[in-house]
Amino acid sequence: MTESQRHAWPAHIRHAGLYLFAFGLPLSHVPAQFGIGFAVLGWLLDGVLNRKWLVDRHLFLIVLIVYLMWNALAASLSPRPLHSLQAVVDNEWPILIMLLMMWTVKDAVLLKRLAIAFLLSSSVAMVYAVWQSVGGVEYVRGMPLDWLGGYYRAVGFYSFYLTFAALAMMV
């Protein structure tokens, strides 16, 4: 492996993770979380192997740190602190992808490609939602959908209409 190849593959892992996140989020949280894992792995390898830590100091970091510390403090003071801390970790993973995007995506072409991947995957999810609204069945899991004012409540690939509605609003 040449010197330039050794330096490039952590960035490829990071970019692959970001693409997996962008493409996978409208379909399921599982590929989105794997994408975050790959992006973090590429970020860490870039820092360790290439001694190039992609970290930008920004005022936004203070807000995120205070927010996470507040959640950790509230969780630690709850009646079930370990369970509450696990819930904080389980629910605050989108913050990690925001940081990775802010720190590692410096190229407008990459950002455009990530947005296109997200919009293509979202289009598939939205077409499936229209199909669900009219047909009334979630075909992937075979579950019936709730009737709501002349149409069925679409759940997309998430099988929960509120999570899917949040995704649809984001798109």
N, C-alpha and C. Protein backbone atom coordinates (compact mmCIF):
# COMPACT_ATOMS: atom_id res chain seq x y z
N MET A 1 0.85 -1.17 0.00
CA MET A 1 0.00 0.00 0.00
C MET A 1 0.90 1.24 0.00
N THR A 2 0.66 2.12 -0.94
CA THR A 2 1.48 3.32 -1.02
C THR A 2 1.10 4.31 0.08
N GLU A 3 1.95 5.29 0.26
CA GLU A 3 1.73 6.29 1.31
C GLU A 3 0.42 7.05 1.08
N SER A 4 0.15 7.43 -0.17
CA SER A 4 -1.07 8.19 -0.44
C SER A 4 -2.32 7.33 -0.26
N GLN A 5 -2.22 6.02 -0.56
CA GLN A 5 -3.36 5.12 -0.34
C GLN A 5 -3.63 4.95 1.15
N ARG A 6 -2.56 4.87 1.96
CA ARG A 6 -2.72 4.72 3.39
C ARG A 6 -3.42 5.93 3.98
N HIS A 7 -3.15 7.09 3.41
CA HIS A 7 -3.75 8.31 3.94
C HIS A 7 -5.18 8.51 3.45
N ALA A 8 -5.56 7.88 2.33
CA ALA A 8 -6.86 8.14 1.73
C ALA A 8 -7.97 7.23 2.24
N TRP A 9 -7.67 6.01 2.67
CA TRP A 9 -8.75 5.08 2.98
C TRP A 9 -9.58 5.46 4.19
N PRO A 10 -9.04 6.13 5.23
CA PRO A 10 -9.96 6.58 6.30
C PRO A 10 -11.03 7.55 5.79
N ALA A 11 -10.66 8.40 4.85
CA ALA A 11 -11.64 9.33 4.28
C ALA A 11 -12.69 8.57 3.48
N HIS A 12 -12.28 7.51 2.79
CA HIS A 12 -13.24 6.70 2.04
C HIS A 12 -14.23 6.01 2.98
N ILE A 13 -13.73 5.51 4.11
CA ILE A 13 -14.62 4.89 5.10
C ILE A 13 -15.59 5.93 5.64
N ARG A 14 -15.08 7.11 5.95
CA ARG A 14 -15.92 8.19 6.48
C ARG A 14 -16.99 8.58 5.47
N HIS A 15 -16.60 8.74 4.21
CA HIS A 15 -17.57 9.12 3.19
C HIS A 15 -18.59 8.01 2.95
N ALA A 16 -18.15 6.75 2.95
CA ALA A 16 -19.08 5.64 2.79
C ALA A 16 -20.10 5.63 3.93
N GLY A 17 -19.65 5.92 5.14
CA GLY A 17 -20.57 6.00 6.27
C GLY A 17 -21.57 7.12 6.12
N LEU A 18 -21.12 8.26 5.63
CA LEU A 18 -22.04 9.38 5.43
C LEU A 18 -23.06 9.05 4.34
N TYR A 19 -22.61 8.38 3.27
CA TYR A 19 -23.55 7.97 2.22
C TYR A 19 -24.56 6.95 2.75
N LEU A 20 -24.08 5.99 3.55
CA LEU A 20 -24.98 5.00 4.12
C LEU A 20 -26.00 5.68 5.03
N PHE A 21 -25.57 6.66 5.79
CA PHE A 21 -26.50 7.41 6.64
C PHE A 21 -27.54 8.13 5.78
N ALA A 22 -27.07 8.87 4.78
CA ALA A 22 -27.98 9.67 3.96
C ALA A 22 -28.97 8.80 3.20
N PHE A 23 -28.50 7.68 2.66
CA PHE A 23 -29.38 6.82 1.89
C PHE A 23 -30.26 5.96 2.80
N GLY A 24 -29.73 5.55 3.95
CA GLY A 24 -30.45 4.61 4.81
C GLY A 24 -31.46 5.23 5.75
N LEU A 25 -31.31 6.49 6.11
CA LEU A 25 -32.20 7.10 7.10
C LEU A 25 -33.67 7.04 6.72
N PRO A 26 -34.07 7.33 5.50
CA PRO A 26 -35.50 7.23 5.18
C PRO A 26 -36.06 5.81 5.21
N LEU A 27 -35.18 4.82 5.15
CA LEU A 27 -35.63 3.44 5.09
C LEU A 27 -35.64 2.77 6.45
N SER A 28 -34.67 3.09 7.30
CA SER A 28 -34.59 2.46 8.61
C SER A 28 -33.51 3.15 9.44
N HIS A 29 -33.66 3.10 10.74
CA HIS A 29 -32.62 3.65 11.61
C HIS A 29 -31.38 2.76 11.64
N VAL A 30 -31.53 1.49 11.32
CA VAL A 30 -30.40 0.56 11.40
C VAL A 30 -29.28 0.93 10.43
N PRO A 31 -29.53 1.08 9.13
CA PRO A 31 -28.43 1.48 8.26
C PRO A 31 -27.92 2.88 8.58
N ALA A 32 -28.81 3.75 9.04
CA ALA A 32 -28.38 5.10 9.40
C ALA A 32 -27.39 5.06 10.56
N GLN A 33 -27.66 4.22 11.55
CA GLN A 33 -26.75 4.10 12.68
C GLN A 33 -25.46 3.39 12.29
N PHE A 34 -25.53 2.41 11.41
CA PHE A 34 -24.30 1.80 10.90
C PHE A 34 -23.48 2.84 10.13
N GLY A 35 -24.15 3.68 9.36
CA GLY A 35 -23.47 4.75 8.63
C GLY A 35 -22.74 5.69 9.57
N ILE A 36 -23.38 6.04 10.68
CA ILE A 36 -22.72 6.89 11.67
C ILE A 36 -21.51 6.16 12.23
N GLY A 37 -21.66 4.87 12.49
CA GLY A 37 -20.53 4.09 13.01
C GLY A 37 -19.35 4.08 12.05
N PHE A 38 -19.62 3.87 10.77
CA PHE A 38 -18.54 3.90 9.77
C PHE A 38 -17.92 5.29 9.66
N ALA A 39 -18.76 6.33 9.69
CA ALA A 39 -18.25 7.69 9.60
C ALA A 39 -17.36 8.02 10.80
N VAL A 40 -17.76 7.59 11.98
CA VAL A 40 -16.94 7.81 13.18
C VAL A 40 -15.65 7.01 13.09
N LEU A 41 -15.74 5.76 12.61
CA LEU A 41 -14.53 4.94 12.45
C LEU A 41 -13.55 5.60 11.49
N GLY A 42 -14.04 6.07 10.35
CA GLY A 42 -13.17 6.76 9.40
C GLY A 42 -12.58 8.03 9.99
N TRP A 43 -13.38 8.76 10.76
CA TRP A 43 -12.90 9.98 11.41
C TRP A 43 -11.78 9.65 12.42
N LEU A 44 -12.01 8.59 13.22
CA LEU A 44 -11.00 8.19 14.20
C LEU A 44 -9.72 7.70 13.52
N LEU A 45 -9.86 6.87 12.48
CA LEU A 45 -8.68 6.37 11.77
C LEU A 45 -7.90 7.51 11.12
N ASP A 46 -8.62 8.49 10.58
CA ASP A 46 -7.95 9.65 10.00
C ASP A 46 -7.14 10.38 11.06
N GLY A 47 -7.70 10.51 12.24
CA GLY A 47 -6.98 11.19 13.32
C GLY A 47 -5.78 10.41 13.81
N VAL A 48 -5.95 9.09 13.97
CA VAL A 48 -4.88 8.27 14.53
C VAL A 48 -3.78 8.02 13.49
N LEU A 49 -4.16 7.57 12.30
CA LEU A 49 -3.17 7.20 11.30
C LEU A 49 -2.51 8.40 10.62
N ASN A 50 -3.31 9.40 10.32
CA ASN A 50 -2.80 10.53 9.55
C ASN A 50 -2.50 11.75 10.42
N ARG A 51 -2.77 11.62 11.73
CA ARG A 51 -2.55 12.73 12.66
C ARG A 51 -3.27 14.00 12.16
N LYS A 52 -4.46 13.77 11.62
CA LYS A 52 -5.25 14.87 11.08
C LYS A 52 -6.64 14.79 11.72
N TRP A 53 -6.79 15.43 12.88
CA TRP A 53 -8.06 15.40 13.59
C TRP A 53 -8.97 16.48 13.01
N LEU A 54 -10.04 16.04 12.40
CA LEU A 54 -10.98 16.96 11.78
C LEU A 54 -11.95 17.47 12.84
N VAL A 55 -11.53 18.52 13.53
CA VAL A 55 -12.34 19.13 14.57
C VAL A 55 -12.27 20.64 14.36
N ASP A 56 -13.42 21.23 14.24
CA ASP A 56 -13.49 22.69 14.14
C ASP A 56 -14.04 23.24 15.44
N ARG A 57 -13.40 24.23 15.97
CA ARG A 57 -13.92 24.89 17.16
C ARG A 57 -14.98 25.90 16.71
N HIS A 58 -16.13 25.77 17.34
CA HIS A 58 -17.25 26.62 16.95
C HIS A 58 -18.12 26.85 18.18
N LEU A 59 -18.78 27.97 18.21
CA LEU A 59 -19.66 28.31 19.33
C LEU A 59 -20.78 27.28 19.49
N PHE A 60 -21.18 26.68 18.40
CA PHE A 60 -22.23 25.66 18.43
C PHE A 60 -21.85 24.48 19.33
N LEU A 61 -20.56 24.17 19.41
CA LEU A 61 -20.11 23.06 20.27
C LEU A 61 -20.45 23.31 21.72
N ILE A 62 -20.36 24.54 22.18
CA ILE A 62 -20.69 24.86 23.57
C ILE A 62 -22.16 24.53 23.84
N VAL A 63 -23.02 24.91 22.92
CA VAL A 63 -24.45 24.63 23.07
C VAL A 63 -24.69 23.12 23.13
N LEU A 64 -24.05 22.35 22.25
CA LEU A 64 -24.21 20.90 22.25
C LEU A 64 -23.68 20.26 23.53
N ILE A 65 -22.54 20.72 23.98
CA ILE A 65 -21.95 20.15 25.20
C ILE A 65 -22.84 20.45 26.41
N VAL A 66 -23.33 21.68 26.51
CA VAL A 66 -24.23 22.03 27.62
C VAL A 66 -25.50 21.19 27.56
N TYR A 67 -26.06 21.04 26.36
CA TYR A 67 -27.26 20.23 26.19
C TYR A 67 -27.03 18.78 26.63
N LEU A 68 -25.93 18.18 26.18
CA LEU A 68 -25.64 16.79 26.55
C LEU A 68 -25.35 16.65 28.04
N MET A 69 -24.63 17.62 28.61
CA MET A 69 -24.35 17.56 30.05
C MET A 69 -25.65 17.70 30.86
N TRP A 70 -26.54 18.55 30.41
CA TRP A 70 -27.83 18.72 31.09
C TRP A 70 -28.63 17.42 31.05
N ASN A 71 -28.66 16.77 29.89
CA ASN A 71 -29.35 15.49 29.77
C ASN A 71 -28.71 14.42 30.65
N ALA A 72 -27.38 14.39 30.68
CA ALA A 72 -26.68 13.41 31.51
C ALA A 72 -26.95 13.66 32.99
N LEU A 73 -26.95 14.91 33.39
CA LEU A 73 -27.26 15.25 34.78
C LEU A 73 -28.68 14.86 35.14
N ALA A 74 -29.64 15.20 34.29
CA ALA A 74 -31.04 14.84 34.54
C ALA A 74 -31.20 13.32 34.60
N ALA A 75 -30.53 12.60 33.71
CA ALA A 75 -30.63 11.14 33.71
C ALA A 75 -30.01 10.55 34.97
N SER A 76 -28.89 11.10 35.40
CA SER A 76 -28.23 10.56 36.59
C SER A 76 -29.02 10.82 37.87
N LEU A 77 -29.89 11.81 37.87
CA LEU A 77 -30.71 12.12 39.04
C LEU A 77 -32.08 11.45 38.99
N SER A 78 -32.34 10.69 37.95
CA SER A 78 -33.64 10.03 37.81
C SER A 78 -33.71 8.81 38.74
N PRO A 79 -34.90 8.26 38.94
CA PRO A 79 -35.03 7.07 39.79
C PRO A 79 -34.26 5.85 39.27
N ARG A 80 -34.09 5.75 37.95
CA ARG A 80 -33.33 4.65 37.36
C ARG A 80 -32.21 5.24 36.50
N PRO A 81 -31.11 5.66 37.11
CA PRO A 81 -30.08 6.41 36.38
C PRO A 81 -29.44 5.65 35.22
N LEU A 82 -29.15 4.37 35.38
CA LEU A 82 -28.51 3.63 34.28
C LEU A 82 -29.45 3.51 33.08
N HIS A 83 -30.70 3.24 33.35
CA HIS A 83 -31.68 3.16 32.27
C HIS A 83 -31.84 4.51 31.58
N SER A 84 -31.86 5.58 32.36
CA SER A 84 -32.02 6.92 31.80
C SER A 84 -30.79 7.34 31.00
N LEU A 85 -29.59 7.00 31.48
CA LEU A 85 -28.37 7.33 30.73
C LEU A 85 -28.32 6.56 29.41
N GLN A 86 -28.78 5.31 29.46
CA GLN A 86 -28.84 4.52 28.22
C GLN A 86 -29.82 5.16 27.24
N ALA A 87 -30.94 5.69 27.73
CA ALA A 87 -31.91 6.36 26.87
C ALA A 87 -31.32 7.63 26.26
N VAL A 88 -30.51 8.35 27.03
CA VAL A 88 -29.86 9.55 26.50
C VAL A 88 -28.93 9.16 25.35
N VAL A 89 -28.13 8.14 25.56
CA VAL A 89 -27.20 7.69 24.52
C VAL A 89 -27.99 7.20 23.30
N ASP A 90 -29.07 6.47 23.54
CA ASP A 90 -29.87 5.90 22.46
C ASP A 90 -30.59 6.98 21.65
N ASN A 91 -30.97 8.09 22.28
CA ASN A 91 -31.77 9.10 21.60
C ASN A 91 -30.99 10.29 21.08
N GLU A 92 -29.78 10.47 21.49
CA GLU A 92 -29.03 11.66 21.10
C GLU A 92 -27.99 11.39 20.02
N TRP A 93 -28.07 10.25 19.32
CA TRP A 93 -27.10 9.95 18.27
C TRP A 93 -27.17 10.91 17.09
N PRO A 94 -28.30 11.57 16.80
CA PRO A 94 -28.26 12.52 15.67
C PRO A 94 -27.27 13.67 15.88
N ILE A 95 -26.98 14.00 17.14
CA ILE A 95 -26.00 15.05 17.41
C ILE A 95 -24.64 14.65 16.84
N LEU A 96 -24.30 13.38 16.94
CA LEU A 96 -23.02 12.91 16.43
C LEU A 96 -22.91 13.11 14.92
N ILE A 97 -23.99 12.81 14.19
CA ILE A 97 -23.92 12.99 12.74
C ILE A 97 -23.86 14.47 12.39
N MET A 98 -24.51 15.33 13.18
CA MET A 98 -24.40 16.77 12.91
C MET A 98 -22.96 17.23 13.06
N LEU A 99 -22.29 16.77 14.11
CA LEU A 99 -20.88 17.15 14.30
C LEU A 99 -20.01 16.62 13.17
N LEU A 100 -20.21 15.35 12.81
CA LEU A 100 -19.40 14.77 11.73
C LEU A 100 -19.62 15.51 10.42
N MET A 101 -20.86 15.87 10.13
CA MET A 101 -21.12 16.60 8.89
C MET A 101 -20.46 17.98 8.95
N MET A 102 -20.55 18.63 10.10
CA MET A 102 -19.97 19.97 10.23
C MET A 102 -18.44 19.91 10.14
N TRP A 103 -17.84 18.88 10.71
CA TRP A 103 -16.38 18.80 10.75
C TRP A 103 -15.78 18.23 9.48
N THR A 104 -16.45 17.27 8.85
CA THR A 104 -15.78 16.50 7.80
C THR A 104 -16.24 16.81 6.38
N VAL A 105 -17.38 17.41 6.20
CA VAL A 105 -17.86 17.68 4.84
C VAL A 105 -17.50 19.11 4.48
N LYS A 106 -16.35 19.25 3.85
CA LYS A 106 -15.85 20.57 3.44
C LYS A 106 -16.02 20.79 1.94
N ASP A 107 -16.41 19.75 1.25
CA ASP A 107 -16.51 19.79 -0.20
C ASP A 107 -17.97 19.93 -0.62
N ALA A 108 -18.28 20.95 -1.39
CA ALA A 108 -19.65 21.20 -1.83
C ALA A 108 -20.17 20.07 -2.71
N VAL A 109 -19.30 19.44 -3.48
CA VAL A 109 -19.71 18.32 -4.34
C VAL A 109 -20.16 17.13 -3.49
N LEU A 110 -19.40 16.82 -2.43
CA LEU A 110 -19.78 15.73 -1.54
C LEU A 110 -21.10 16.05 -0.86
N LEU A 111 -21.27 17.25 -0.38
CA LEU A 111 -22.51 17.64 0.28
C LEU A 111 -23.69 17.52 -0.68
N LYS A 112 -23.51 17.92 -1.92
CA LYS A 112 -24.57 17.80 -2.92
C LYS A 112 -24.91 16.33 -3.17
N ARG A 113 -23.89 15.48 -3.28
CA ARG A 113 -24.13 14.06 -3.50
C ARG A 113 -24.84 13.41 -2.31
N LEU A 114 -24.47 13.81 -1.10
CA LEU A 114 -25.16 13.29 0.09
C LEU A 114 -26.62 13.72 0.09
N ALA A 115 -26.89 14.96 -0.27
CA ALA A 115 -28.27 15.45 -0.33
C ALA A 115 -29.06 14.70 -1.39
N ILE A 116 -28.44 14.43 -2.53
CA ILE A 116 -29.13 13.69 -3.59
C ILE A 116 -29.43 12.26 -3.14
N ALA A 117 -28.47 11.60 -2.48
CA ALA A 117 -28.70 10.25 -1.97
C ALA A 117 -29.86 10.24 -0.98
N PHE A 118 -29.89 11.23 -0.10
CA PHE A 118 -30.97 11.33 0.87
C PHE A 118 -32.31 11.56 0.17
N LEU A 119 -32.34 12.44 -0.80
CA LEU A 119 -33.59 12.75 -1.48
C LEU A 119 -34.09 11.58 -2.34
N LEU A 120 -33.18 10.84 -2.96
CA LEU A 120 -33.58 9.66 -3.73
C LEU A 120 -34.20 8.60 -2.82
N SER A 121 -33.54 8.32 -1.74
CA SER A 121 -34.06 7.34 -0.80
C SER A 121 -35.37 7.83 -0.17
N SER A 122 -35.45 9.11 0.12
CA SER A 122 -36.68 9.68 0.67
C SER A 122 -37.83 9.59 -0.33
N SER A 123 -37.52 9.76 -1.60
CA SER A 123 -38.56 9.64 -2.62
C SER A 123 -39.16 8.25 -2.64
N VAL A 124 -38.32 7.23 -2.51
CA VAL A 124 -38.82 5.85 -2.43
C VAL A 124 -39.74 5.70 -1.22
N ALA A 125 -39.31 6.24 -0.07
CA ALA A 125 -40.11 6.14 1.14
C ALA A 125 -41.43 6.89 1.01
N MET A 126 -41.42 8.05 0.35
CA MET A 126 -42.65 8.83 0.21
C MET A 126 -43.62 8.17 -0.78
N VAL A 127 -43.11 7.58 -1.85
CA VAL A 127 -43.98 6.84 -2.78
C VAL A 127 -44.61 5.66 -2.05
N TYR A 128 -43.83 4.98 -1.25
CA TYR A 128 -44.36 3.87 -0.45
C TYR A 128 -45.43 4.37 0.51
N ALA A 129 -45.26 5.55 1.07
CA ALA A 129 -46.24 6.12 2.00
C ALA A 129 -47.56 6.43 1.28
N VAL A 130 -47.47 6.94 0.07
CA VAL A 130 -48.70 7.19 -0.70
C VAL A 130 -49.40 5.86 -0.96
N TRP A 131 -48.64 4.86 -1.32
CA TRP A 131 -49.20 3.52 -1.54
C TRP A 131 -49.89 3.02 -0.27
N GLN A 132 -49.26 3.24 0.88
CA GLN A 132 -49.86 2.82 2.15
C GLN A 132 -51.13 3.60 2.46
N SER A 133 -51.13 4.89 2.18
CA SER A 133 -52.30 5.73 2.47
C SER A 133 -53.53 5.28 1.69
N VAL A 134 -53.31 4.82 0.50
CA VAL A 134 -54.42 4.38 -0.35
C VAL A 134 -54.75 2.91 -0.10
N GLY A 135 -53.72 2.08 0.00
CA GLY A 135 -53.93 0.64 0.12
C GLY A 135 -54.29 0.17 1.51
N GLY A 136 -53.77 0.82 2.54
CA GLY A 136 -54.11 0.46 3.91
C GLY A 136 -53.33 -0.68 4.52
N VAL A 137 -52.28 -1.14 3.85
CA VAL A 137 -51.49 -2.25 4.39
C VAL A 137 -50.01 -1.89 4.32
N GLU A 138 -49.30 -2.22 5.37
CA GLU A 138 -47.85 -2.06 5.39
C GLU A 138 -47.30 -3.38 4.88
N TYR A 139 -46.89 -3.41 3.62
CA TYR A 139 -46.55 -4.66 2.94
C TYR A 139 -45.27 -5.31 3.42
N VAL A 140 -44.33 -4.55 3.91
CA VAL A 140 -43.07 -5.13 4.36
C VAL A 140 -43.30 -6.03 5.57
N ARG A 141 -44.11 -5.56 6.52
CA ARG A 141 -44.38 -6.33 7.74
C ARG A 141 -45.77 -6.96 7.75
N GLY A 142 -46.60 -6.62 6.74
CA GLY A 142 -47.93 -7.22 6.64
C GLY A 142 -48.90 -6.77 7.71
N MET A 143 -48.71 -5.58 8.24
CA MET A 143 -49.61 -5.13 9.30
C MET A 143 -50.66 -4.15 8.74
N PRO A 144 -51.88 -4.20 9.27
CA PRO A 144 -52.90 -3.25 8.83
C PRO A 144 -52.61 -1.85 9.38
N LEU A 145 -53.07 -0.85 8.66
CA LEU A 145 -52.85 0.54 9.06
C LEU A 145 -54.14 1.15 9.62
N ASP A 146 -53.99 2.15 10.44
CA ASP A 146 -55.14 2.82 11.04
C ASP A 146 -55.85 3.70 10.01
N TRP A 147 -57.17 3.70 10.08
CA TRP A 147 -58.00 4.51 9.20
C TRP A 147 -58.08 5.92 9.78
N LEU A 148 -57.92 6.91 8.92
CA LEU A 148 -57.94 8.29 9.40
C LEU A 148 -58.57 9.19 8.33
N GLY A 149 -59.84 9.51 8.47
CA GLY A 149 -60.52 10.47 7.62
C GLY A 149 -60.47 10.19 6.13
N GLY A 150 -60.77 9.02 5.71
CA GLY A 150 -60.82 8.71 4.28
C GLY A 150 -59.55 8.07 3.73
N TYR A 151 -58.49 8.07 4.50
CA TYR A 151 -57.22 7.45 4.09
C TYR A 151 -56.66 6.66 5.26
N TYR A 152 -55.61 5.92 4.97
CA TYR A 152 -54.93 5.18 6.03
C TYR A 152 -53.72 5.96 6.49
N ARG A 153 -53.34 5.75 7.72
CA ARG A 153 -52.20 6.44 8.31
C ARG A 153 -50.92 5.74 7.87
N ALA A 154 -50.11 6.41 7.05
CA ALA A 154 -48.88 5.83 6.52
C ALA A 154 -47.80 5.76 7.60
N VAL A 155 -47.09 4.65 7.61
CA VAL A 155 -46.00 4.47 8.58
C VAL A 155 -44.65 4.31 7.89
N GLY A 156 -44.64 4.34 6.55
CA GLY A 156 -43.39 4.19 5.82
C GLY A 156 -42.72 2.87 6.16
N PHE A 157 -41.40 2.90 6.20
CA PHE A 157 -40.64 1.70 6.54
C PHE A 157 -40.38 1.59 8.04
N TYR A 158 -40.82 2.60 8.81
CA TYR A 158 -40.56 2.63 10.25
C TYR A 158 -41.60 1.89 11.07
N SER A 159 -42.80 1.67 10.51
CA SER A 159 -43.91 1.02 11.21
C SER A 159 -44.42 1.84 12.39
N PHE A 160 -44.14 3.13 12.39
CA PHE A 160 -44.68 4.01 13.42
C PHE A 160 -44.92 5.36 12.76
N TYR A 161 -46.15 5.79 12.74
CA TYR A 161 -46.50 6.96 11.92
C TYR A 161 -45.86 8.25 12.40
N LEU A 162 -45.62 8.43 13.71
CA LEU A 162 -45.01 9.68 14.17
C LEU A 162 -43.56 9.79 13.73
N THR A 163 -42.81 8.70 13.80
CA THR A 163 -41.42 8.71 13.33
C THR A 163 -41.39 8.98 11.83
N PHE A 164 -42.30 8.33 11.11
CA PHE A 164 -42.33 8.55 9.67
C PHE A 164 -42.78 9.96 9.33
N ALA A 165 -43.71 10.50 10.08
CA ALA A 165 -44.16 11.88 9.83
C ALA A 165 -43.02 12.87 10.07
N ALA A 166 -42.21 12.62 11.08
CA ALA A 166 -41.05 13.50 11.33
C ALA A 166 -40.08 13.43 10.15
N LEU A 167 -39.85 12.24 9.62
CA LEU A 167 -39.00 12.11 8.44
C LEU A 167 -39.60 12.86 7.26
N ALA A 168 -40.89 12.70 7.03
CA ALA A 168 -41.55 13.36 5.90
C ALA A 168 -41.47 14.87 6.03
N MET A 169 -41.62 15.38 7.25
CA MET A 169 -41.51 16.83 7.44
C MET A 169 -40.08 17.30 7.18
N MET A 170 -39.10 16.50 7.56
CA MET A 170 -37.71 16.87 7.32
C MET A 170 -37.42 16.93 5.82
N VAL A 171 -37.96 15.98 5.08
CA VAL A 171 -37.74 15.97 3.63
C VAL A 171 -38.37 17.20 3.02
